[in-house]
Amino acid sequence: MRTEKNVKPVAIAGAVIAFAGSVFPMIQGADANMKHTPAFGFMNFEQPFVWYGFMMLAVIAVILCALKKEKFSIIPLVLMGVICGITYNTVCIRHGAPGMEPGLSPVIIYVGCAVGVIGVFLDVYKLFKKDTSTDYRYTGNKSVGKRVKTYFWFYIMFLPVFIFVITFNYRPMVGLRYAFTDFKSGTEPVYVGIKHFVDMFGLSELSAVKSKQFLRAFTNTLSLSVIKLLMNTFAAVVISLLLHEMRNIHFKKTVQTIIYLPHFMSWVVVASIFKMVLSANESGFLNTLLLNWGLIDERINFLTNNSLWRGVYYVVNLWKDTGWGTILFLATLSGISPELYEAADIDGANRFDKMRFITMPALANTIITVLILNLAKVMNLFESVFVMYNPSVYDTSDVIQTLIYRESFSSGTPNYGYTTAVGLFKSLVACVLVLVCNKASKKVRGRGIV
């Protein structure tokens, strides 16, 4: 019998912090926005392999912690500190000048290495969990070599998937280094440190326009996604309850099929349909109908009006996705024991009472689960907005993904460094949301989403 060993999250966090420090400048000009002064660090060091080697040491430290070999992770962490010191001294000697000042990179790296080493000997799980003695055969607490030997053919089967994931999911992440460069079409990337992030949040005098566009897109992304999620979930619950009350099985299936069908239509087709229906021209069905009924005096531009665009967007999303969202709720409703309703009938409960005391409590857990799972995806808003928006409604419709697309492919001289920085920030926010939702899912469902 053995006590299962815990992964050391603080040690992993230290390696991640140290790696994050490598993207900051080691020395930089005094100009905060770094518009006219240079910045020097790992990413524009004369020997590019140094940064890649530093990155690999951080990955090795994290892998060793994940394999529960935390004490060995001290070696790559110490080497990271040594490389940082040598590189910092070299950069200062070669590029130090009266107008230069120290950057944040060495401080962050040394703090991360220190946290990583301390975390090797710190087990935060002991503060929250009790040790349980279990047989290693059931917990898998064996050495890597023994596990590979025991499940050799399973690892061979996994190898193609592993290679695919590394090649197409992780290898492109090296391109995130361009978030810290000025990389314009037809030019070589020039390292500028955190200049693009300074521009995004308006921390310099020269970044007012970019900051306004980014903050507008970020706010729109959150508001559109969250409101759409709440409205779609509410509509799906209501329709599920109504379908559940239907006694004619053939009519019920017909209605289900009709409301499911829009989900299988592409967003391009859906947008084309609603643009024709809502058109302000004579071919616009809705405007013609409202004019004939005397409800309006002139045609309305639904898709070019800032005050109306969001309402149209929410309605289109309800029409397309609500039917598909009812699947989970109908599955939950069909799993409720009929004996509960029979007992309620004996006690004299009416339909409202049965819905209040039996149906809704049974649905509550599923509703919370759906909200949690979808909240992790609120930053991934692109196609539904892209096919419906236009320059007239950027104030209320522009989201982060469309901002990245427009700045990358629709502007005269796109700065891929800036758009990569915006995409990196979006990914970091999405990662935080996934972790928060994973924690909430463990509280509600007893298991996480990852």
Protein backbone atom coordinates (compact mmCIF):
# COMPACT_ATOMS: atom_id res chain seq x y z
CA MET A 1 0.00 0.00 0.00
CA ARG A 2 1.28 3.45 -0.93
CA THR A 3 0.18 7.02 -0.42
CA GLU A 4 -0.42 8.69 -3.77
CA LYS A 5 1.89 11.60 -4.37
CA ASN A 6 0.38 14.95 -5.35
CA VAL A 7 1.43 17.14 -8.26
CA LYS A 8 3.10 20.35 -7.10
CA PRO A 9 1.09 23.22 -8.64
CA VAL A 10 3.31 25.92 -7.12
CA ALA A 11 6.38 24.44 -8.81
CA ILE A 12 4.56 24.42 -12.15
CA ALA A 13 3.40 28.01 -11.59
CA GLY A 14 7.00 29.07 -10.95
CA ALA A 15 8.21 27.60 -14.26
CA VAL A 16 5.34 29.30 -16.10
CA ILE A 17 6.11 32.67 -14.45
CA ALA A 18 9.78 32.35 -15.39
CA PHE A 19 8.90 31.57 -18.98
CA ALA A 20 6.48 34.53 -19.11
CA GLY A 21 9.33 36.76 -17.95
CA SER A 22 11.39 35.84 -21.00
CA VAL A 23 9.09 37.80 -23.32
CA PHE A 24 9.66 41.09 -21.46
CA PRO A 25 12.60 43.39 -22.25
CA MET A 26 15.84 43.04 -20.26
CA ILE A 27 16.74 46.65 -20.98
CA GLN A 28 14.66 49.27 -22.76
CA GLY A 29 14.49 52.93 -23.61
CA ALA A 30 13.07 55.44 -21.21
CA ASP A 31 10.06 56.10 -23.49
CA ALA A 32 7.24 54.07 -21.91
CA ASN A 33 5.43 53.36 -25.16
CA MET A 34 8.71 52.34 -26.85
CA LYS A 35 7.62 54.01 -30.06
CA HIS A 36 10.99 55.51 -30.87
CA THR A 37 13.38 53.75 -28.48
CA PRO A 38 14.64 50.17 -28.71
CA ALA A 39 14.12 47.25 -26.37
CA PHE A 40 16.44 44.26 -25.96
CA GLY A 41 15.79 40.85 -24.47
CA PHE A 42 15.70 37.15 -25.24
CA MET A 43 13.64 37.61 -28.39
CA ASN A 44 16.09 39.86 -30.23
CA PHE A 45 19.25 38.48 -28.68
CA GLU A 46 21.99 37.79 -31.24
CA GLN A 47 21.73 34.04 -30.63
CA PRO A 48 18.05 32.98 -31.15
CA PHE A 49 18.69 29.46 -29.86
CA VAL A 50 19.18 30.89 -26.35
CA TRP A 51 15.49 31.82 -26.05
CA TYR A 52 14.37 28.50 -27.51
CA GLY A 53 16.66 26.68 -25.08
CA PHE A 54 15.25 28.74 -22.21
CA MET A 55 11.73 27.85 -23.35
CA MET A 56 12.59 24.14 -23.54
CA LEU A 57 13.97 24.20 -19.99
CA ALA A 58 10.66 25.69 -18.79
CA VAL A 59 8.74 22.94 -20.61
CA ILE A 60 11.02 20.26 -19.12
CA ALA A 61 10.44 21.67 -15.61
CA VAL A 62 6.66 21.56 -16.09
CA ILE A 63 6.79 18.01 -17.51
CA LEU A 64 8.91 16.80 -14.58
CA CYS A 65 6.39 18.27 -12.15
CA ALA A 66 3.52 16.65 -14.05
CA LEU A 67 5.35 13.31 -13.85
CA LYS A 68 5.74 13.86 -10.07
CA LYS A 69 9.52 14.14 -10.33
CA GLU A 70 9.52 17.63 -8.84
CA LYS A 71 13.00 17.46 -7.28
CA PHE A 72 14.54 16.99 -10.72
CA SER A 73 12.74 20.13 -11.93
CA ILE A 74 15.11 22.17 -9.75
CA ILE A 75 17.87 21.53 -12.31
CA PRO A 76 16.14 23.20 -15.31
CA LEU A 77 14.88 26.01 -13.05
CA VAL A 78 18.43 26.78 -11.86
CA LEU A 79 19.71 26.59 -15.45
CA MET A 80 17.01 29.08 -16.48
CA GLY A 81 18.28 31.49 -13.84
CA VAL A 82 21.88 31.03 -15.00
CA ILE A 83 20.95 31.61 -18.66
CA CYS A 84 19.00 34.73 -17.67
CA GLY A 85 21.99 36.14 -15.78
CA ILE A 86 24.46 35.48 -18.60
CA THR A 87 22.10 36.88 -21.24
CA TYR A 88 21.29 39.97 -19.16
CA ASN A 89 24.96 40.80 -18.65
CA THR A 90 25.69 40.27 -22.36
CA VAL A 91 22.75 42.48 -23.40
CA CYS A 92 23.80 45.24 -21.00
CA ILE A 93 27.40 45.16 -22.27
CA ARG A 94 26.43 45.22 -25.96
CA HIS A 95 23.39 47.50 -25.92
CA GLY A 96 23.62 49.45 -22.69
CA ALA A 97 23.50 53.21 -23.24
CA PRO A 98 22.73 56.33 -21.19
CA GLY A 99 19.13 56.34 -22.47
CA MET A 100 18.46 52.72 -21.49
CA GLU A 101 17.02 51.42 -18.23
CA PRO A 102 16.51 47.91 -16.78
CA GLY A 103 13.44 45.99 -17.93
CA LEU A 104 11.14 43.61 -16.08
CA SER A 105 12.45 40.37 -17.58
CA PRO A 106 15.22 39.46 -15.08
CA VAL A 107 13.04 40.27 -12.07
CA ILE A 108 10.13 38.14 -13.28
CA ILE A 109 12.41 35.26 -14.28
CA TYR A 110 14.21 35.14 -10.94
CA VAL A 111 10.93 35.39 -9.03
CA GLY A 112 9.53 32.53 -11.13
CA CYS A 113 12.61 30.36 -10.57
CA ALA A 114 12.47 31.03 -6.82
CA VAL A 115 8.76 30.19 -6.68
CA GLY A 116 9.42 27.03 -8.69
CA VAL A 117 12.17 25.82 -6.35
CA ILE A 118 10.14 26.62 -3.23
CA GLY A 119 7.10 24.93 -4.74
CA VAL A 120 9.02 21.66 -5.05
CA PHE A 121 9.04 21.40 -1.26
CA LEU A 122 5.59 22.92 -0.71
CA ASP A 123 2.47 20.74 -0.97
CA VAL A 124 -0.56 23.01 -0.94
CA TYR A 125 -2.89 20.05 -1.32
CA LYS A 126 -2.19 19.02 2.26
CA LEU A 127 -3.99 22.16 3.39
CA PHE A 128 -7.21 21.04 1.72
CA LYS A 129 -7.09 17.26 1.28
CA LYS A 130 -6.50 14.27 3.48
CA ASP A 131 -3.97 11.64 2.48
CA THR A 132 -5.52 8.38 1.32
CA SER A 133 -3.64 5.12 1.21
CA THR A 134 -4.43 3.24 -1.98
CA ASP A 135 -2.81 0.52 -4.01
CA TYR A 136 -0.64 1.86 -6.84
CA ARG A 137 -2.21 -0.66 -9.21
CA TYR A 138 -5.49 1.25 -8.96
CA THR A 139 -4.05 4.78 -8.85
CA GLY A 140 -1.43 4.32 -11.54
CA ASN A 141 1.28 5.56 -9.15
CA LYS A 142 4.10 3.74 -10.96
CA SER A 143 7.23 4.93 -12.67
CA VAL A 144 6.96 6.11 -16.26
CA GLY A 145 9.07 3.19 -17.46
CA LYS A 146 6.80 0.62 -15.80
CA ARG A 147 3.69 2.27 -17.19
CA VAL A 148 5.13 2.32 -20.71
CA LYS A 149 6.16 -1.33 -20.40
CA THR A 150 2.73 -2.36 -19.07
CA TYR A 151 0.72 -0.44 -21.65
CA PHE A 152 3.26 -0.42 -24.50
CA TRP A 153 0.80 -0.94 -27.36
CA PHE A 154 -1.55 1.69 -26.01
CA TYR A 155 1.31 4.21 -26.13
CA ILE A 156 2.09 3.12 -29.71
CA MET A 157 -1.56 3.71 -30.65
CA PHE A 158 -1.42 7.11 -28.98
CA LEU A 159 1.80 8.14 -30.76
CA PRO A 160 0.19 9.36 -34.07
CA VAL A 161 -2.31 11.48 -32.11
CA PHE A 162 0.51 12.87 -29.98
CA ILE A 163 2.55 13.81 -33.06
CA PHE A 164 -0.49 15.42 -34.67
CA VAL A 165 -1.26 17.51 -31.56
CA ILE A 166 2.35 18.66 -31.18
CA THR A 167 2.64 19.53 -34.88
CA PHE A 168 -0.64 21.35 -35.41
CA ASN A 169 -1.57 22.58 -31.92
CA TYR A 170 1.61 23.31 -30.02
CA ARG A 171 4.22 24.03 -32.68
CA PRO A 172 2.24 27.05 -34.05
CA MET A 173 2.27 28.51 -30.52
CA VAL A 174 5.89 29.49 -31.14
CA GLY A 175 4.41 32.22 -33.36
CA LEU A 176 3.13 33.96 -30.23
CA ARG A 177 6.57 35.58 -30.05
CA TYR A 178 5.35 37.97 -32.76
CA ALA A 179 3.03 39.53 -30.18
CA PHE A 180 6.16 41.25 -28.86
CA THR A 181 7.37 42.49 -32.23
CA ASP A 182 6.48 45.05 -34.86
CA PHE A 183 5.81 42.71 -37.76
CA LYS A 184 4.37 44.49 -40.76
CA SER A 185 3.78 43.06 -44.21
CA GLY A 186 7.02 42.88 -46.20
CA THR A 187 9.29 43.66 -43.24
CA GLU A 188 11.28 41.64 -40.74
CA PRO A 189 9.92 41.36 -37.17
CA VAL A 190 11.43 43.95 -34.80
CA TYR A 191 11.27 43.22 -31.08
CA VAL A 192 9.41 45.95 -29.17
CA GLY A 193 8.69 44.28 -25.85
CA ILE A 194 5.21 44.93 -24.44
CA LYS A 195 4.51 47.94 -26.66
CA HIS A 196 1.38 46.38 -28.23
CA PHE A 197 -0.11 45.60 -24.83
CA VAL A 198 0.59 49.17 -23.75
CA ASP A 199 -1.25 50.34 -26.87
CA MET A 200 -4.19 48.03 -26.24
CA PHE A 201 -4.88 49.42 -22.80
CA GLY A 202 -4.15 53.04 -23.66
CA LEU A 203 -1.16 53.41 -21.35
CA SER A 204 0.66 55.71 -23.76
CA GLU A 205 -0.31 59.00 -25.35
CA LEU A 206 0.02 57.63 -28.90
CA SER A 207 -2.37 54.69 -28.48
CA ALA A 208 -5.76 56.33 -27.98
CA VAL A 209 -7.28 55.02 -31.24
CA LYS A 210 -6.04 51.45 -30.84
CA SER A 211 -7.07 51.39 -27.20
CA LYS A 212 -10.57 52.62 -28.03
CA GLN A 213 -11.02 49.95 -30.72
CA PHE A 214 -9.71 47.16 -28.50
CA LEU A 215 -11.72 48.08 -25.40
CA ARG A 216 -14.85 48.46 -27.54
CA ALA A 217 -14.31 45.02 -29.08
CA PHE A 218 -13.54 43.42 -25.70
CA THR A 219 -16.68 44.91 -24.10
CA ASN A 220 -18.84 43.90 -27.07
CA THR A 221 -17.46 40.35 -26.96
CA LEU A 222 -18.40 39.88 -23.33
CA SER A 223 -21.83 41.54 -23.54
CA LEU A 224 -22.90 39.82 -26.78
CA SER A 225 -21.71 36.39 -25.63
CA VAL A 226 -23.14 36.51 -22.11
CA ILE A 227 -26.53 37.94 -23.09
CA LYS A 228 -26.80 35.48 -25.99
CA LEU A 229 -25.94 32.60 -23.64
CA LEU A 230 -28.55 33.62 -21.07
CA MET A 231 -31.28 34.21 -23.67
CA ASN A 232 -30.59 30.96 -25.54
CA THR A 233 -30.55 28.95 -22.32
CA PHE A 234 -33.79 30.52 -21.07
CA ALA A 235 -35.54 29.94 -24.41
CA ALA A 236 -34.27 26.34 -24.58
CA VAL A 237 -35.60 25.63 -21.07
CA VAL A 238 -39.03 27.12 -21.84
CA ILE A 239 -39.39 25.22 -25.13
CA SER A 240 -38.21 22.00 -23.48
CA LEU A 241 -40.87 22.36 -20.80
CA LEU A 242 -43.55 23.00 -23.40
CA LEU A 243 -42.46 20.01 -25.50
CA HIS A 244 -42.36 17.84 -22.40
CA GLU A 245 -46.01 18.65 -21.70
CA MET A 246 -47.13 17.50 -25.16
CA ARG A 247 -48.99 14.21 -25.09
CA ASN A 248 -49.33 13.65 -28.86
CA ILE A 249 -46.00 11.96 -29.65
CA HIS A 250 -46.24 12.50 -33.44
CA PHE A 251 -46.93 16.22 -33.11
CA LYS A 252 -44.14 16.50 -30.53
CA LYS A 253 -41.59 14.90 -32.86
CA THR A 254 -42.70 17.12 -35.74
CA VAL A 255 -42.23 20.27 -33.65
CA GLN A 256 -38.84 19.04 -32.43
CA THR A 257 -37.66 18.42 -35.98
CA ILE A 258 -38.81 21.86 -37.15
CA ILE A 259 -37.01 23.74 -34.38
CA TYR A 260 -33.84 21.61 -34.77
CA LEU A 261 -33.44 22.26 -38.51
CA PRO A 262 -32.00 25.83 -38.35
CA HIS A 263 -29.03 24.56 -36.36
CA PHE A 264 -27.78 22.59 -39.37
CA MET A 265 -27.75 25.66 -41.62
CA SER A 266 -24.46 27.51 -41.99
CA TRP A 267 -24.19 31.06 -40.66
CA VAL A 268 -23.67 32.34 -44.20
CA VAL A 269 -27.05 30.94 -45.27
CA VAL A 270 -28.77 32.19 -42.10
CA ALA A 271 -27.34 35.70 -42.55
CA SER A 272 -28.41 35.75 -46.22
CA ILE A 273 -31.97 34.77 -45.29
CA PHE A 274 -32.33 37.43 -42.61
CA LYS A 275 -30.69 40.11 -44.74
CA MET A 276 -33.35 39.50 -47.38
CA VAL A 277 -36.15 39.46 -44.80
CA LEU A 278 -34.91 42.62 -43.03
CA SER A 279 -33.82 44.53 -46.13
CA ALA A 280 -34.82 48.19 -46.32
CA ASN A 281 -35.47 47.82 -50.05
CA GLU A 282 -38.80 46.94 -51.59
CA SER A 283 -37.83 43.27 -51.47
CA GLY A 284 -37.62 43.37 -47.65
CA PHE A 285 -40.49 41.24 -46.36
CA LEU A 286 -40.64 42.63 -42.82
CA ASN A 287 -40.53 46.31 -43.81
CA THR A 288 -43.23 45.75 -46.46
CA LEU A 289 -45.42 43.95 -43.92
CA LEU A 290 -45.04 46.69 -41.29
CA LEU A 291 -45.81 49.38 -43.88
CA ASN A 292 -48.94 47.57 -45.06
CA TRP A 293 -50.15 47.24 -41.48
CA GLY A 294 -49.51 50.94 -40.86
CA LEU A 295 -47.10 50.30 -37.99
CA ILE A 296 -44.26 52.36 -39.54
CA ASP A 297 -44.12 55.36 -41.87
CA GLU A 298 -40.80 54.62 -43.55
CA ARG A 299 -38.56 51.61 -44.02
CA ILE A 300 -36.16 50.70 -41.22
CA ASN A 301 -32.51 49.74 -41.71
CA PHE A 302 -32.36 46.99 -39.11
CA LEU A 303 -28.78 45.88 -39.87
CA THR A 304 -27.20 49.34 -40.13
CA ASN A 305 -28.74 50.87 -37.03
CA ASN A 306 -26.67 50.65 -33.83
CA SER A 307 -29.75 50.66 -31.62
CA LEU A 308 -31.41 47.79 -33.53
CA TRP A 309 -28.51 45.56 -34.60
CA ARG A 310 -28.07 43.76 -31.30
CA GLY A 311 -31.76 42.95 -31.03
CA VAL A 312 -31.67 41.44 -34.52
CA TYR A 313 -28.53 39.49 -33.62
CA TYR A 314 -30.12 37.98 -30.52
CA VAL A 315 -33.29 37.02 -32.42
CA VAL A 316 -31.28 35.33 -35.18
CA ASN A 317 -29.28 33.38 -32.60
CA LEU A 318 -32.46 32.30 -30.83
CA TRP A 319 -33.94 31.08 -34.11
CA LYS A 320 -30.81 29.15 -35.06
CA ASP A 321 -29.56 27.62 -31.80
CA THR A 322 -32.48 27.29 -29.38
CA GLY A 323 -33.78 24.05 -30.90
CA TRP A 324 -30.43 22.36 -30.58
CA GLY A 325 -30.10 23.59 -26.99
CA THR A 326 -33.29 21.80 -25.98
CA ILE A 327 -31.70 18.37 -26.49
CA LEU A 328 -29.95 18.31 -23.11
CA PHE A 329 -32.98 19.61 -21.24
CA LEU A 330 -35.36 17.15 -22.90
CA ALA A 331 -32.97 14.33 -22.03
CA THR A 332 -33.05 15.43 -18.40
CA LEU A 333 -36.83 15.71 -18.40
CA SER A 334 -37.25 12.25 -19.89
CA GLY A 335 -35.13 10.86 -17.06
CA ILE A 336 -37.47 12.07 -14.32
CA SER A 337 -39.25 9.14 -12.72
CA PRO A 338 -42.99 9.03 -13.60
CA GLU A 339 -43.62 7.85 -10.05
CA LEU A 340 -42.86 11.35 -8.79
CA TYR A 341 -45.62 12.82 -10.95
CA GLU A 342 -48.01 10.02 -9.93
CA ALA A 343 -47.33 10.73 -6.26
CA ALA A 344 -47.92 14.42 -6.90
CA ASP A 345 -51.27 13.62 -8.58
CA ILE A 346 -52.33 11.61 -5.53
CA ASP A 347 -51.44 14.57 -3.32
CA GLY A 348 -53.61 16.82 -5.48
CA ALA A 349 -50.86 18.82 -7.17
CA ASN A 350 -51.74 20.68 -10.36
CA ARG A 351 -49.44 21.13 -13.39
CA PHE A 352 -47.88 24.29 -12.01
CA ASP A 353 -47.10 22.61 -8.69
CA LYS A 354 -45.52 19.61 -10.42
CA MET A 355 -43.41 21.89 -12.59
CA ARG A 356 -42.35 23.94 -9.57
CA PHE A 357 -41.52 21.15 -7.16
CA ILE A 358 -40.46 18.29 -9.48
CA THR A 359 -39.51 19.45 -12.96
CA MET A 360 -37.55 22.61 -12.20
CA PRO A 361 -35.43 21.11 -9.38
CA ALA A 362 -34.54 18.25 -11.73
CA LEU A 363 -33.55 20.74 -14.44
CA ALA A 364 -31.61 23.07 -12.15
CA ASN A 365 -28.39 21.06 -12.18
CA THR A 366 -28.47 20.71 -15.99
CA ILE A 367 -29.13 24.45 -16.44
CA ILE A 368 -26.16 25.35 -14.24
CA THR A 369 -23.97 22.83 -16.05
CA VAL A 370 -24.90 24.21 -19.49
CA LEU A 371 -24.20 27.76 -18.34
CA ILE A 372 -20.83 26.78 -16.90
CA LEU A 373 -19.74 24.83 -19.98
CA ASN A 374 -20.76 27.60 -22.38
CA LEU A 375 -19.30 30.40 -20.25
CA ALA A 376 -15.85 29.01 -21.03
CA LYS A 377 -16.47 29.75 -24.73
CA VAL A 378 -17.66 33.34 -24.51
CA MET A 379 -14.48 34.70 -26.12
CA ASN A 380 -14.87 32.50 -29.22
CA LEU A 381 -17.32 34.79 -30.98
CA PHE A 382 -16.65 35.34 -34.66
CA GLU A 383 -18.69 33.74 -37.45
CA SER A 384 -22.17 34.74 -36.27
CA VAL A 385 -21.04 38.39 -35.95
CA PHE A 386 -18.82 38.48 -39.05
CA VAL A 387 -21.61 37.52 -41.46
CA MET A 388 -24.04 40.11 -40.07
CA TYR A 389 -22.07 43.20 -39.11
CA ASN A 390 -20.91 46.17 -41.23
CA PRO A 391 -18.95 49.41 -40.65
CA SER A 392 -22.13 51.27 -39.66
CA VAL A 393 -22.55 49.20 -36.49
CA TYR A 394 -18.95 48.65 -35.35
CA ASP A 395 -19.74 50.44 -32.08
CA THR A 396 -22.15 47.71 -31.00
CA SER A 397 -21.06 44.69 -33.06
CA ASP A 398 -17.28 44.66 -33.37
CA VAL A 399 -15.78 41.82 -31.29
CA ILE A 400 -12.18 40.75 -30.68
CA GLN A 401 -12.14 38.11 -33.39
CA THR A 402 -13.55 40.44 -36.05
CA LEU A 403 -11.11 43.16 -34.94
CA ILE A 404 -8.20 40.75 -35.42
CA TYR A 405 -9.52 39.67 -38.83
CA ARG A 406 -10.09 43.23 -40.03
CA GLU A 407 -6.72 44.52 -38.80
CA SER A 408 -4.91 41.53 -40.35
CA PHE A 409 -6.58 41.26 -43.74
CA SER A 410 -8.54 44.43 -44.44
CA SER A 411 -6.15 47.25 -43.53
CA GLY A 412 -3.59 48.78 -45.87
CA THR A 413 -0.43 47.88 -43.92
CA PRO A 414 -1.41 45.27 -41.33
CA ASN A 415 0.74 44.96 -38.22
CA TYR A 416 0.69 41.23 -37.50
CA GLY A 417 2.52 41.86 -34.25
CA TYR A 418 -0.36 43.93 -32.88
CA THR A 419 -3.05 41.49 -34.01
CA THR A 420 -1.07 38.59 -32.52
CA ALA A 421 -0.91 40.49 -29.23
CA VAL A 422 -4.68 40.99 -29.27
CA GLY A 423 -5.17 37.29 -30.02
CA LEU A 424 -2.79 36.33 -27.20
CA PHE A 425 -4.72 38.47 -24.73
CA LYS A 426 -7.98 36.88 -25.87
CA SER A 427 -6.49 33.42 -25.39
CA LEU A 428 -5.30 34.29 -21.88
CA VAL A 429 -8.77 35.54 -20.90
CA ALA A 430 -10.33 32.41 -22.42
CA CYS A 431 -7.86 30.24 -20.47
CA VAL A 432 -8.80 31.97 -17.21
CA LEU A 433 -12.50 31.46 -17.99
CA VAL A 434 -11.91 27.76 -18.68
CA LEU A 435 -10.10 27.35 -15.35
CA VAL A 436 -12.82 29.22 -13.47
CA CYS A 437 -15.55 27.18 -15.17
CA ASN A 438 -13.61 23.98 -14.48
CA LYS A 439 -13.51 24.86 -10.78
CA ALA A 440 -17.23 25.72 -10.79
CA SER A 441 -18.01 22.48 -12.63
CA LYS A 442 -16.21 20.48 -9.93
CA LYS A 443 -18.34 22.19 -7.29
CA VAL A 444 -21.61 21.56 -9.16
CA ARG A 445 -21.07 18.26 -10.98
CA GLY A 446 -18.29 16.70 -8.93
CA ARG A 447 -16.00 16.62 -11.99
CA GLY A 448 -14.33 19.22 -14.15
CA ILE A 449 -14.67 20.05 -17.83
CA VAL A 450 -10.94 19.41 -18.47
